Amino acid sequence: MHEGTERLPGPDDANTSAAECPDWCVAGHGVHGGEEDWIHVGEPLFVADGGTTARLCMSVDPETGARDGPYVLIGSSEYTPAAALALGRALMAMATAATPGDTKQELP
């Protein structure tokens, strides 16, 4: 993973680099040209059969350095971190309600 920093890329930067990455980014910056080099992505987490994954994603505007995100992408749906956290809590509550009396059940 890359080390994060407070500096954001600006209009004079040709592309982003490891120095501008959030610590969760695993993208190979400098490999792609143009817009693709301004997208930060995290490792995929497989959440369902059929290849559905969740991963962090954020883009940085190459002209202004403005950030869009981060978001949690689950399949083709985009969630703010707060919405993803609420979804996770709701899933945990649902799973806990389905196993009454067995609250110490281990996660798979």
PDB file of N, CA and C in Angstrom:
ATOM      1  N   MET A   1       0.832  -1.179   0.000  1.00  0.00           N
ATOM      2  CA  MET A   1       0.000   0.000   0.000  1.00  0.00           C
ATOM      3  C   MET A   1       0.872   1.235   0.000  1.00  0.00           C
ATOM      4  N   HIS A   2       0.259   2.363  -0.378  1.00  0.00           N
ATOM      5  CA  HIS A   2       0.988   3.608  -0.458  1.00  0.00           C
ATOM      6  C   HIS A   2       0.826   4.383   0.831  1.00  0.00           C
ATOM      7  N   GLU A   3       1.781   5.232   1.106  1.00  0.00           N
ATOM      8  CA  GLU A   3       1.691   6.116   2.259  1.00  0.00           C
ATOM      9  C   GLU A   3       0.864   7.336   1.892  1.00  0.00           C
ATOM     10  N   GLY A   4      -0.042   7.745   2.754  1.00  0.00           N
ATOM     11  CA  GLY A   4      -0.857   8.926   2.508  1.00  0.00           C
ATOM     12  C   GLY A   4      -0.099  10.191   2.858  1.00  0.00           C
ATOM     13  N   THR A   5      -0.577  11.298   2.379  1.00  0.00           N
ATOM     14  CA  THR A   5       0.012  12.593   2.690  1.00  0.00           C
ATOM     15  C   THR A   5      -1.077  13.645   2.605  1.00  0.00           C
ATOM     16  N   GLU A   6      -0.834  14.801   3.172  1.00  0.00           N
ATOM     17  CA  GLU A   6      -1.841  15.850   3.140  1.00  0.00           C
ATOM     18  C   GLU A   6      -1.858  16.578   1.805  1.00  0.00           C
ATOM     19  N   ARG A   7      -0.807  16.490   1.029  1.00  0.00           N
ATOM     20  CA  ARG A   7      -0.736  17.186  -0.249  1.00  0.00           C
ATOM     21  C   ARG A   7      -1.605  16.489  -1.291  1.00  0.00           C
ATOM     22  N   LEU A   8      -2.415  17.283  -1.967  1.00  0.00           N
ATOM     23  CA  LEU A   8      -3.217  16.762  -3.072  1.00  0.00           C
ATOM     24  C   LEU A   8      -2.572  17.163  -4.386  1.00  0.00           C
ATOM     25  N   PRO A   9      -2.757  16.347  -5.433  1.00  0.00           N
ATOM     26  CA  PRO A   9      -2.214  16.736  -6.729  1.00  0.00           C
ATOM     27  C   PRO A   9      -2.833  18.038  -7.204  1.00  0.00           C
ATOM     28  N   GLY A  10      -2.082  18.808  -7.932  1.00  0.00           N
ATOM     29  CA  GLY A  10      -2.580  20.073  -8.448  1.00  0.00           C
ATOM     30  C   GLY A  10      -2.527  20.114  -9.958  1.00  0.00           C
ATOM     31  N   PRO A  11      -2.908  21.228 -10.547  1.00  0.00           N
ATOM     32  CA  PRO A  11      -2.984  21.337 -12.002  1.00  0.00           C
ATOM     33  C   PRO A  11      -1.632  21.204 -12.692  1.00  0.00           C
ATOM     34  N   ASP A  12      -0.531  21.428 -11.982  1.00  0.00           N
ATOM     35  CA  ASP A  12       0.782  21.323 -12.609  1.00  0.00           C
ATOM     36  C   ASP A  12       1.335  19.898 -12.578  1.00  0.00           C
ATOM     37  N   ASP A  13       0.683  18.994 -11.866  1.00  0.00           N
ATOM     38  CA  ASP A  13       1.146  17.612 -11.794  1.00  0.00           C
ATOM     39  C   ASP A  13       0.743  16.857 -13.053  1.00  0.00           C
ATOM     40  N   ALA A  14       1.671  16.163 -13.658  1.00  0.00           N
ATOM     41  CA  ALA A  14       1.382  15.374 -14.861  1.00  0.00           C
ATOM     42  C   ALA A  14       0.567  14.142 -14.519  1.00  0.00           C
ATOM     43  N   ASN A  15       0.846  13.540 -13.395  1.00  0.00           N
ATOM     44  CA  ASN A  15       0.065  12.399 -12.914  1.00  0.00           C
ATOM     45  C   ASN A  15       0.252  12.300 -11.417  1.00  0.00           C
ATOM     46  N   THR A  16      -0.497  11.437 -10.811  1.00  0.00           N
ATOM     47  CA  THR A  16      -0.387  11.289  -9.373  1.00  0.00           C
ATOM     48  C   THR A  16       0.743  10.322  -9.063  1.00  0.00           C
ATOM     49  N   SER A  17       1.077  10.182  -7.817  1.00  0.00           N
ATOM     50  CA  SER A  17       2.133   9.263  -7.425  1.00  0.00           C
ATOM     51  C   SER A  17       1.791   8.675  -6.076  1.00  0.00           C
ATOM     52  N   ALA A  18       2.630   7.792  -5.616  1.00  0.00           N
ATOM     53  CA  ALA A  18       2.417   7.160  -4.324  1.00  0.00           C
ATOM     54  C   ALA A  18       2.332   8.185  -3.209  1.00  0.00           C
ATOM     55  N   ALA A  19       2.992   9.324  -3.363  1.00  0.00           N
ATOM     56  CA  ALA A  19       3.002  10.338  -2.312  1.00  0.00           C
ATOM     57  C   ALA A  19       1.624  10.941  -2.076  1.00  0.00           C
ATOM     58  N   GLU A  20       0.733  10.949  -3.081  1.00  0.00           N
ATOM     59  CA  GLU A  20      -0.583  11.543  -2.929  1.00  0.00           C
ATOM     60  C   GLU A  20      -1.670  10.530  -2.596  1.00  0.00           C
ATOM     61  N   CYS A  21      -1.321   9.267  -2.503  1.00  0.00           N
ATOM     62  CA  CYS A  21      -2.319   8.216  -2.292  1.00  0.00           C
ATOM     63  C   CYS A  21      -2.790   8.151  -0.851  1.00  0.00           C
ATOM     64  N   PRO A  22      -4.090   7.845  -0.660  1.00  0.00           N
ATOM     65  CA  PRO A  22      -4.526   7.495   0.690  1.00  0.00           C
ATOM     66  C   PRO A  22      -3.872   6.163   1.061  1.00  0.00           C
ATOM     67  N   ASP A  23      -3.742   5.881   2.337  1.00  0.00           N
ATOM     68  CA  ASP A  23      -3.023   4.678   2.747  1.00  0.00           C
ATOM     69  C   ASP A  23      -3.691   3.380   2.300  1.00  0.00           C
ATOM     70  N   TRP A  24      -4.960   3.400   1.920  1.00  0.00           N
ATOM     71  CA  TRP A  24      -5.660   2.191   1.480  1.00  0.00           C
ATOM     72  C   TRP A  24      -5.548   1.946  -0.022  1.00  0.00           C
ATOM     73  N   CYS A  25      -4.966   2.857  -0.772  1.00  0.00           N
ATOM     74  CA  CYS A  25      -4.909   2.747  -2.232  1.00  0.00           C
ATOM     75  C   CYS A  25      -3.896   1.690  -2.674  1.00  0.00           C
ATOM     76  N   VAL A  26      -4.326   0.858  -3.615  1.00  0.00           N
ATOM     77  CA  VAL A  26      -3.449  -0.168  -4.171  1.00  0.00           C
ATOM     78  C   VAL A  26      -3.254   0.015  -5.678  1.00  0.00           C
ATOM     79  N   ALA A  27      -3.686   1.143  -6.218  1.00  0.00           N
ATOM     80  CA  ALA A  27      -3.555   1.401  -7.655  1.00  0.00           C
ATOM     81  C   ALA A  27      -2.093   1.620  -8.026  1.00  0.00           C
ATOM     82  N   GLY A  28      -1.724   1.179  -9.210  1.00  0.00           N
ATOM     83  CA  GLY A  28      -0.376   1.400  -9.715  1.00  0.00           C
ATOM     84  C   GLY A  28      -0.314   2.719 -10.457  1.00  0.00           C
ATOM     85  N   HIS A  29      -0.146   3.819  -9.747  1.00  0.00           N
ATOM     86  CA  HIS A  29      -0.126   5.138 -10.377  1.00  0.00           C
ATOM     87  C   HIS A  29       1.118   5.309 -11.238  1.00  0.00           C
ATOM     88  N   GLY A  30       0.951   6.034 -12.325  1.00  0.00           N
ATOM     89  CA  GLY A  30       2.039   6.248 -13.260  1.00  0.00           C
ATOM     90  C   GLY A  30       2.053   5.200 -14.360  1.00  0.00           C
ATOM     91  N   VAL A  31       1.235   4.156 -14.187  1.00  0.00           N
ATOM     92  CA  VAL A  31       1.137   3.091 -15.181  1.00  0.00           C
ATOM     93  C   VAL A  31       0.171   3.495 -16.276  1.00  0.00           C
ATOM     94  N   HIS A  32      -0.929   4.141 -15.895  1.00  0.00           N
ATOM     95  CA  HIS A  32      -1.952   4.582 -16.846  1.00  0.00           C
ATOM     96  C   HIS A  32      -1.793   6.075 -17.077  1.00  0.00           C
ATOM     97  N   GLY A  33      -2.178   6.513 -18.241  1.00  0.00           N
ATOM     98  CA  GLY A  33      -2.143   7.940 -18.511  1.00  0.00           C
ATOM     99  C   GLY A  33      -3.509   8.556 -18.335  1.00  0.00           C
ATOM    100  N   GLY A  34      -3.565   9.845 -18.166  1.00  0.00           N
ATOM    101  CA  GLY A  34      -4.827  10.566 -18.120  1.00  0.00           C
ATOM    102  C   GLY A  34      -5.674  10.270 -16.908  1.00  0.00           C
ATOM    103  N   GLU A  35      -6.980  10.254 -17.147  1.00  0.00           N
ATOM    104  CA  GLU A  35      -7.974  10.150 -16.084  1.00  0.00           C
ATOM    105  C   GLU A  35      -7.794   8.916 -15.203  1.00  0.00           C
ATOM    106  N   GLU A  36      -7.407   7.798 -15.771  1.00  0.00           N
ATOM    107  CA  GLU A  36      -7.243   6.569 -14.993  1.00  0.00           C
ATOM    108  C   GLU A  36      -6.206   6.720 -13.885  1.00  0.00           C
ATOM    109  N   ASP A  37      -5.257   7.605 -14.070  1.00  0.00           N
ATOM    110  CA  ASP A  37      -4.195   7.770 -13.078  1.00  0.00           C
ATOM    111  C   ASP A  37      -4.642   8.607 -11.882  1.00  0.00           C
ATOM    112  N   TRP A  38      -5.843   9.160 -11.914  1.00  0.00           N
ATOM    113  CA  TRP A  38      -6.344   9.996 -10.830  1.00  0.00           C
ATOM    114  C   TRP A  38      -7.369   9.279  -9.968  1.00  0.00           C
ATOM    115  N   ILE A  39      -7.500   7.964 -10.147  1.00  0.00           N
ATOM    116  CA  ILE A  39      -8.466   7.180  -9.379  1.00  0.00           C
ATOM    117  C   ILE A  39      -7.715   6.324  -8.372  1.00  0.00           C
ATOM    118  N   HIS A  40      -8.142   6.412  -7.126  1.00  0.00           N
ATOM    119  CA  HIS A  40      -7.571   5.603  -6.049  1.00  0.00           C
ATOM    120  C   HIS A  40      -8.557   4.481  -5.740  1.00  0.00           C
ATOM    121  N   VAL A  41      -8.069   3.258  -5.654  1.00  0.00           N
ATOM    122  CA  VAL A  41      -8.923   2.117  -5.331  1.00  0.00           C
ATOM    123  C   VAL A  41      -8.256   1.258  -4.273  1.00  0.00           C
ATOM    124  N   GLY A  42      -9.089   0.652  -3.438  1.00  0.00           N
ATOM    125  CA  GLY A  42      -8.605  -0.253  -2.417  1.00  0.00           C
ATOM    126  C   GLY A  42      -8.728  -1.702  -2.861  1.00  0.00           C
ATOM    127  N   GLU A  43      -8.184  -2.595  -2.061  1.00  0.00           N
ATOM    128  CA  GLU A  43      -8.285  -4.030  -2.326  1.00  0.00           C
ATOM    129  C   GLU A  43      -9.749  -4.446  -2.348  1.00  0.00           C
ATOM    130  N   PRO A  44     -10.123  -5.368  -3.229  1.00  0.00           N
ATOM    131  CA  PRO A  44     -11.508  -5.846  -3.236  1.00  0.00           C
ATOM    132  C   PRO A  44     -11.781  -6.783  -2.062  1.00  0.00           C
ATOM    133  N   LEU A  45     -12.976  -6.675  -1.535  1.00  0.00           N
ATOM    134  CA  LEU A  45     -13.465  -7.588  -0.502  1.00  0.00           C
ATOM    135  C   LEU A  45     -14.629  -8.338  -1.129  1.00  0.00           C
ATOM    136  N   PHE A  46     -14.522  -9.670  -1.243  1.00  0.00           N
ATOM    137  CA  PHE A  46     -15.599 -10.445  -1.846  1.00  0.00           C
ATOM    138  C   PHE A  46     -16.732 -10.573  -0.837  1.00  0.00           C
ATOM    139  N   VAL A  47     -17.934 -10.092  -1.222  1.00  0.00           N
ATOM    140  CA  VAL A  47     -19.059 -10.038  -0.293  1.00  0.00           C
ATOM    141  C   VAL A  47     -20.207 -10.958  -0.669  1.00  0.00           C
ATOM    142  N   ALA A  48     -20.188 -11.542  -1.854  1.00  0.00           N
ATOM    143  CA  ALA A  48     -21.277 -12.436  -2.263  1.00  0.00           C
ATOM    144  C   ALA A  48     -20.787 -13.356  -3.367  1.00  0.00           C
ATOM    145  N   ASP A  49     -21.465 -14.491  -3.472  1.00  0.00           N
ATOM    146  CA  ASP A  49     -21.169 -15.398  -4.578  1.00  0.00           C
ATOM    147  C   ASP A  49     -21.391 -14.669  -5.892  1.00  0.00           C
ATOM    148  N   GLY A  50     -20.731 -15.126  -6.916  1.00  0.00           N
ATOM    149  CA  GLY A  50     -20.874 -14.498  -8.222  1.00  0.00           C
ATOM    150  C   GLY A  50     -19.885 -13.383  -8.453  1.00  0.00           C
ATOM    151  N   GLY A  51     -18.973 -13.187  -7.516  1.00  0.00           N
ATOM    152  CA  GLY A  51     -17.931 -12.183  -7.718  1.00  0.00           C
ATOM    153  C   GLY A  51     -18.262 -10.781  -7.263  1.00  0.00           C
ATOM    154  N   THR A  52     -19.341 -10.580  -6.516  1.00  0.00           N
ATOM    155  CA  THR A  52     -19.665  -9.243  -6.021  1.00  0.00           C
ATOM    156  C   THR A  52     -18.609  -8.819  -5.007  1.00  0.00           C
ATOM    157  N   THR A  53     -18.054  -7.646  -5.227  1.00  0.00           N
ATOM    158  CA  THR A  53     -17.019  -7.140  -4.336  1.00  0.00           C
ATOM    159  C   THR A  53     -17.400  -5.787  -3.764  1.00  0.00           C
ATOM    160  N   ALA A  54     -16.738  -5.453  -2.681  1.00  0.00           N
ATOM    161  CA  ALA A  54     -16.806  -4.107  -2.097  1.00  0.00           C
ATOM    162  C   ALA A  54     -15.383  -3.575  -2.110  1.00  0.00           C
ATOM    163  N   ARG A  55     -15.233  -2.299  -2.419  1.00  0.00           N
ATOM    164  CA  ARG A  55     -13.899  -1.691  -2.375  1.00  0.00           C
ATOM    165  C   ARG A  55     -14.033  -0.184  -2.232  1.00  0.00           C
ATOM    166  N   LEU A  56     -13.018   0.416  -1.645  1.00  0.00           N
ATOM    167  CA  LEU A  56     -12.965   1.866  -1.531  1.00  0.00           C
ATOM    168  C   LEU A  56     -12.523   2.459  -2.862  1.00  0.00           C
ATOM    169  N   CYS A  57     -13.054   3.635  -3.167  1.00  0.00           N
ATOM    170  CA  CYS A  57     -12.700   4.314  -4.410  1.00  0.00           C
ATOM    171  C   CYS A  57     -12.793   5.821  -4.187  1.00  0.00           C
ATOM    172  N   MET A  58     -11.850   6.549  -4.772  1.00  0.00           N
ATOM    173  CA  MET A  58     -11.863   8.006  -4.692  1.00  0.00           C
ATOM    174  C   MET A  58     -11.180   8.539  -5.949  1.00  0.00           C
ATOM    175  N   SER A  59     -11.696   9.621  -6.490  1.00  0.00           N
ATOM    176  CA  SER A  59     -11.017  10.249  -7.617  1.00  0.00           C
ATOM    177  C   SER A  59     -10.561  11.645  -7.207  1.00  0.00           C
ATOM    178  N   VAL A  60      -9.558  12.125  -7.926  1.00  0.00           N
ATOM    179  CA  VAL A  60      -9.024  13.454  -7.692  1.00  0.00           C
ATOM    180  C   VAL A  60      -9.032  14.183  -9.029  1.00  0.00           C
ATOM    181  N   ASP A  61      -9.659  15.343  -9.066  1.00  0.00           N
ATOM    182  CA  ASP A  61      -9.718  16.134 -10.301  1.00  0.00           C
ATOM    183  C   ASP A  61      -8.317  16.635 -10.640  1.00  0.00           C
ATOM    184  N   PRO A  62      -7.813  16.311 -11.833  1.00  0.00           N
ATOM    185  CA  PRO A  62      -6.456  16.715 -12.178  1.00  0.00           C
ATOM    186  C   PRO A  62      -6.273  18.225 -12.332  1.00  0.00           C
ATOM    187  N   GLU A  63      -7.344  18.947 -12.567  1.00  0.00           N
ATOM    188  CA  GLU A  63      -7.244  20.401 -12.731  1.00  0.00           C
ATOM    189  C   GLU A  63      -7.235  21.142 -11.399  1.00  0.00           C
ATOM    190  N   THR A  64      -8.087  20.707 -10.458  1.00  0.00           N
ATOM    191  CA  THR A  64      -8.246  21.445  -9.204  1.00  0.00           C
ATOM    192  C   THR A  64      -7.686  20.725  -7.986  1.00  0.00           C
ATOM    193  N   GLY A  65      -7.487  19.408  -8.102  1.00  0.00           N
ATOM    194  CA  GLY A  65      -7.062  18.627  -6.944  1.00  0.00           C
ATOM    195  C   GLY A  65      -8.220  18.274  -6.026  1.00  0.00           C
ATOM    196  N   ALA A  66      -9.457  18.638  -6.413  1.00  0.00           N
ATOM    197  CA  ALA A  66     -10.627  18.351  -5.579  1.00  0.00           C
ATOM    198  C   ALA A  66     -10.894  16.852  -5.542  1.00  0.00           C
ATOM    199  N   ARG A  67     -11.220  16.358  -4.364  1.00  0.00           N
ATOM    200  CA  ARG A  67     -11.515  14.940  -4.176  1.00  0.00           C
ATOM    201  C   ARG A  67     -12.997  14.655  -4.385  1.00  0.00           C
ATOM    202  N   ASP A  68     -13.287  13.505  -4.946  1.00  0.00           N
ATOM    203  CA  ASP A  68     -14.656  12.986  -5.022  1.00  0.00           C
ATOM    204  C   ASP A  68     -14.622  11.639  -4.329  1.00  0.00           C
ATOM    205  N   GLY A  69     -15.105  11.616  -3.101  1.00  0.00           N
ATOM    206  CA  GLY A  69     -15.079  10.392  -2.317  1.00  0.00           C
ATOM    207  C   GLY A  69     -14.266  10.602  -1.060  1.00  0.00           C
ATOM    208  N   PRO A  70     -13.938   9.548  -0.391  1.00  0.00           N
ATOM    209  CA  PRO A  70     -14.039   8.161  -0.841  1.00  0.00           C
ATOM    210  C   PRO A  70     -15.458   7.621  -0.741  1.00  0.00           C
ATOM    211  N   TYR A  71     -15.698   6.624  -1.567  1.00  0.00           N
ATOM    212  CA  TYR A  71     -16.960   5.890  -1.561  1.00  0.00           C
ATOM    213  C   TYR A  71     -16.657   4.416  -1.402  1.00  0.00           C
ATOM    214  N   VAL A  72     -17.641   3.677  -0.941  1.00  0.00           N
ATOM    215  CA  VAL A  72     -17.557   2.224  -0.911  1.00  0.00           C
ATOM    216  C   VAL A  72     -18.407   1.733  -2.076  1.00  0.00           C
ATOM    217  N   LEU A  73     -17.769   1.068  -3.020  1.00  0.00           N
ATOM    218  CA  LEU A  73     -18.478   0.495  -4.157  1.00  0.00           C
ATOM    219  C   LEU A  73     -18.788  -0.951  -3.827  1.00  0.00           C
ATOM    220  N   ILE A  74     -20.077  -1.293  -3.850  1.00  0.00           N
ATOM    221  CA  ILE A  74     -20.518  -2.674  -3.637  1.00  0.00           C
ATOM    222  C   ILE A  74     -21.267  -3.073  -4.890  1.00  0.00           C
ATOM    223  N   GLY A  75     -20.659  -3.981  -5.662  1.00  0.00           N
ATOM    224  CA  GLY A  75     -21.222  -4.298  -6.961  1.00  0.00           C
ATOM    225  C   GLY A  75     -21.233  -3.026  -7.788  1.00  0.00           C
ATOM    226  N   SER A  76     -22.396  -2.641  -8.273  1.00  0.00           N
ATOM    227  CA  SER A  76     -22.505  -1.415  -9.064  1.00  0.00           C
ATOM    228  C   SER A  76     -23.094  -0.256  -8.252  1.00  0.00           C
ATOM    229  N   SER A  77     -23.239  -0.444  -6.940  1.00  0.00           N
ATOM    230  CA  SER A  77     -23.802   0.604  -6.079  1.00  0.00           C
ATOM    231  C   SER A  77     -22.695   1.352  -5.350  1.00  0.00           C
ATOM    232  N   GLU A  78     -22.898   2.654  -5.169  1.00  0.00           N
ATOM    233  CA  GLU A  78     -21.933   3.532  -4.524  1.00  0.00           C
ATOM    234  C   GLU A  78     -22.505   4.031  -3.202  1.00  0.00           C
ATOM    235  N   TYR A  79     -21.740   3.874  -2.122  1.00  0.00           N
ATOM    236  CA  TYR A  79     -22.175   4.289  -0.786  1.00  0.00           C
ATOM    237  C   TYR A  79     -21.151   5.236  -0.181  1.00  0.00           C
ATOM    238  N   THR A  80     -21.627   6.214   0.577  1.00  0.00           N
ATOM    239  CA  THR A  80     -20.702   7.011   1.371  1.00  0.00           C
ATOM    240  C   THR A  80     -20.187   6.094   2.479  1.00  0.00           C
ATOM    241  N   PRO A  81     -19.052   6.417   3.090  1.00  0.00           N
ATOM    242  CA  PRO A  81     -18.591   5.586   4.206  1.00  0.00           C
ATOM    243  C   PRO A  81     -19.645   5.449   5.311  1.00  0.00           C
ATOM    244  N   ALA A  82     -20.380   6.525   5.601  1.00  0.00           N
ATOM    245  CA  ALA A  82     -21.421   6.459   6.639  1.00  0.00           C
ATOM    246  C   ALA A  82     -22.546   5.514   6.230  1.00  0.00           C
ATOM    247  N   ALA A  83     -22.953   5.546   4.966  1.00  0.00           N
ATOM    248  CA  ALA A  83     -24.008   4.654   4.492  1.00  0.00           C
ATOM    249  C   ALA A  83     -23.541   3.199   4.494  1.00  0.00           C
ATOM    250  N   ALA A  84     -22.278   2.956   4.143  1.00  0.00           N
ATOM    251  CA  ALA A  84     -21.742   1.592   4.173  1.00  0.00           C
ATOM    252  C   ALA A  84     -21.674   1.075   5.613  1.00  0.00           C
ATOM    253  N   LEU A  85     -21.306   1.945   6.541  1.00  0.00           N
ATOM    254  CA  LEU A  85     -21.274   1.563   7.952  1.00  0.00           C
ATOM    255  C   LEU A  85     -22.680   1.217   8.442  1.00  0.00           C
ATOM    256  N   ALA A  86     -23.676   2.024   8.075  1.00  0.00           N
ATOM    257  CA  ALA A  86     -25.064   1.743   8.464  1.00  0.00           C
ATOM    258  C   ALA A  86     -25.535   0.418   7.862  1.00  0.00           C
ATOM    259  N   LEU A  87     -25.165   0.153   6.615  1.00  0.00           N
ATOM    260  CA  LEU A  87     -25.522  -1.115   5.981  1.00  0.00           C
ATOM    261  C   LEU A  87     -24.882  -2.285   6.729  1.00  0.00           C
ATOM    262  N   GLY A  88     -23.620  -2.153   7.085  1.00  0.00           N
ATOM    263  CA  GLY A  88     -22.934  -3.201   7.842  1.00  0.00           C
ATOM    264  C   GLY A  88     -23.592  -3.456   9.194  1.00  0.00           C
ATOM    265  N   ARG A  89     -23.971  -2.389   9.877  1.00  0.00           N
ATOM    266  CA  ARG A  89     -24.648  -2.544  11.175  1.00  0.00           C
ATOM    267  C   ARG A  89     -26.009  -3.220  11.006  1.00  0.00           C
ATOM    268  N   ALA A  90     -26.737  -2.848   9.955  1.00  0.00           N
ATOM    269  CA  ALA A  90     -28.037  -3.470   9.701  1.00  0.00           C
ATOM    270  C   ALA A  90     -27.880  -4.950   9.380  1.00  0.00           C
ATOM    271  N   LEU A  91     -26.864  -5.310   8.614  1.00  0.00           N
ATOM    272  CA  LEU A  91     -26.613  -6.718   8.316  1.00  0.00           C
ATOM    273  C   LEU A  91     -26.245  -7.493   9.573  1.00  0.00           C
ATOM    274  N   MET A  92     -25.425  -6.899  10.427  1.00  0.00           N
ATOM    275  CA  MET A  92     -25.064  -7.556  11.687  1.00  0.00           C
ATOM    276  C   MET A  92     -26.292  -7.746  12.572  1.00  0.00           C
ATOM    277  N   ALA A  93     -27.169  -6.742  12.650  1.00  0.00           N
ATOM    278  CA  ALA A  93     -28.388  -6.862  13.449  1.00  0.00           C
ATOM    279  C   ALA A  93     -29.288  -7.960  12.893  1.00  0.00           C
ATOM    280  N   MET A  94     -29.391  -8.031  11.560  1.00  0.00           N
ATOM    281  CA  MET A  94     -30.206  -9.062  10.925  1.00  0.00           C
ATOM    282  C   MET A  94     -29.645 -10.453  11.221  1.00  0.00           C
ATOM    283  N   ALA A  95     -28.348 -10.614  11.098  1.00  0.00           N
ATOM    284  CA  ALA A  95     -27.719 -11.909  11.356  1.00  0.00           C
ATOM    285  C   ALA A  95     -27.840 -12.292  12.827  1.00  0.00           C
ATOM    286  N   THR A  96     -27.712 -11.308  13.724  1.00  0.00           N
ATOM    287  CA  THR A  96     -27.844 -11.573  15.156  1.00  0.00           C
ATOM    288  C   THR A  96     -29.274 -11.990  15.493  1.00  0.00           C
ATOM    289  N   ALA A  97     -30.272 -11.339  14.900  1.00  0.00           N
ATOM    290  CA  ALA A  97     -31.671 -11.684  15.141  1.00  0.00           C
ATOM    291  C   ALA A  97     -31.999 -13.083  14.621  1.00  0.00           C
ATOM    292  N   ALA A  98     -31.297 -13.519  13.604  1.00  0.00           N
ATOM    293  CA  ALA A  98     -31.552 -14.842  13.023  1.00  0.00           C
ATOM    294  C   ALA A  98     -30.957 -15.963  13.849  1.00  0.00           C
ATOM    295  N   THR A  99     -30.104 -15.639  14.811  1.00  0.00           N
ATOM    296  CA  THR A  99     -29.468 -16.659  15.650  1.00  0.00           C
ATOM    297  C   THR A  99     -29.687 -16.343  17.127  1.00  0.00           C
ATOM    298  N   PRO A 100     -30.960 -16.358  17.587  1.00  0.00           N
ATOM    299  CA  PRO A 100     -31.230 -16.025  18.994  1.00  0.00           C
ATOM    300  C   PRO A 100     -30.540 -17.009  19.933  1.00  0.00           C
ATOM    301  N   GLY A 101     -29.988 -16.475  21.004  1.00  0.00           N
ATOM    302  CA  GLY A 101     -29.333 -17.293  22.008  1.00  0.00           C
ATOM    303  C   GLY A 101     -27.922 -17.714  21.617  1.00  0.00           C
ATOM    304  N   ASP A 102     -27.490 -17.382  20.427  1.00  0.00           N
ATOM    305  CA  ASP A 102     -26.156 -17.783  19.960  1.00  0.00           C
ATOM    306  C   ASP A 102     -25.403 -16.545  19.501  1.00  0.00           C
ATOM    307  N   THR A 103     -25.222 -15.585  20.411  1.00  0.00           N
ATOM    308  CA  THR A 103     -24.598 -14.324  20.046  1.00  0.00           C
ATOM    309  C   THR A 103     -23.077 -14.417  19.949  1.00  0.00           C
ATOM    310  N   LYS A 104     -22.494 -15.557  20.361  1.00  0.00           N
ATOM    311  CA  LYS A 104     -21.046 -15.715  20.284  1.00  0.00           C
ATOM    312  C   LYS A 104     -20.621 -16.503  19.052  1.00  0.00           C
ATOM    313  N   GLN A 105     -21.515 -16.634  18.094  1.00  0.00           N
ATOM    314  CA  GLN A 105     -21.210 -17.379  16.882  1.00  0.00           C
ATOM    315  C   GLN A 105     -20.086 -16.689  16.129  1.00  0.00           C
ATOM    316  N   GLU A 106     -19.108 -17.471  15.678  1.00  0.00           N
ATOM    317  CA  GLU A 106     -17.980 -16.913  14.935  1.00  0.00           C
ATOM    318  C   GLU A 106     -18.372 -16.550  13.530  1.00  0.00           C
ATOM    319  N   LEU A 107     -17.750 -15.508  13.004  1.00  0.00           N
ATOM    320  CA  LEU A 107     -17.954 -15.132  11.623  1.00  0.00           C
ATOM    321  C   LEU A 107     -17.203 -16.123  10.720  1.00  0.00           C
ATOM    322  N   PRO A 108     -17.767 -16.418   9.559  1.00  0.00           N
ATOM    323  CA  PRO A 108     -17.068 -17.349   8.656  1.00  0.00           C
ATOM    324  C   PRO A 108     -15.781 -16.765   8.126  1.00  0.00           C
TER     325      PRO A 108
END
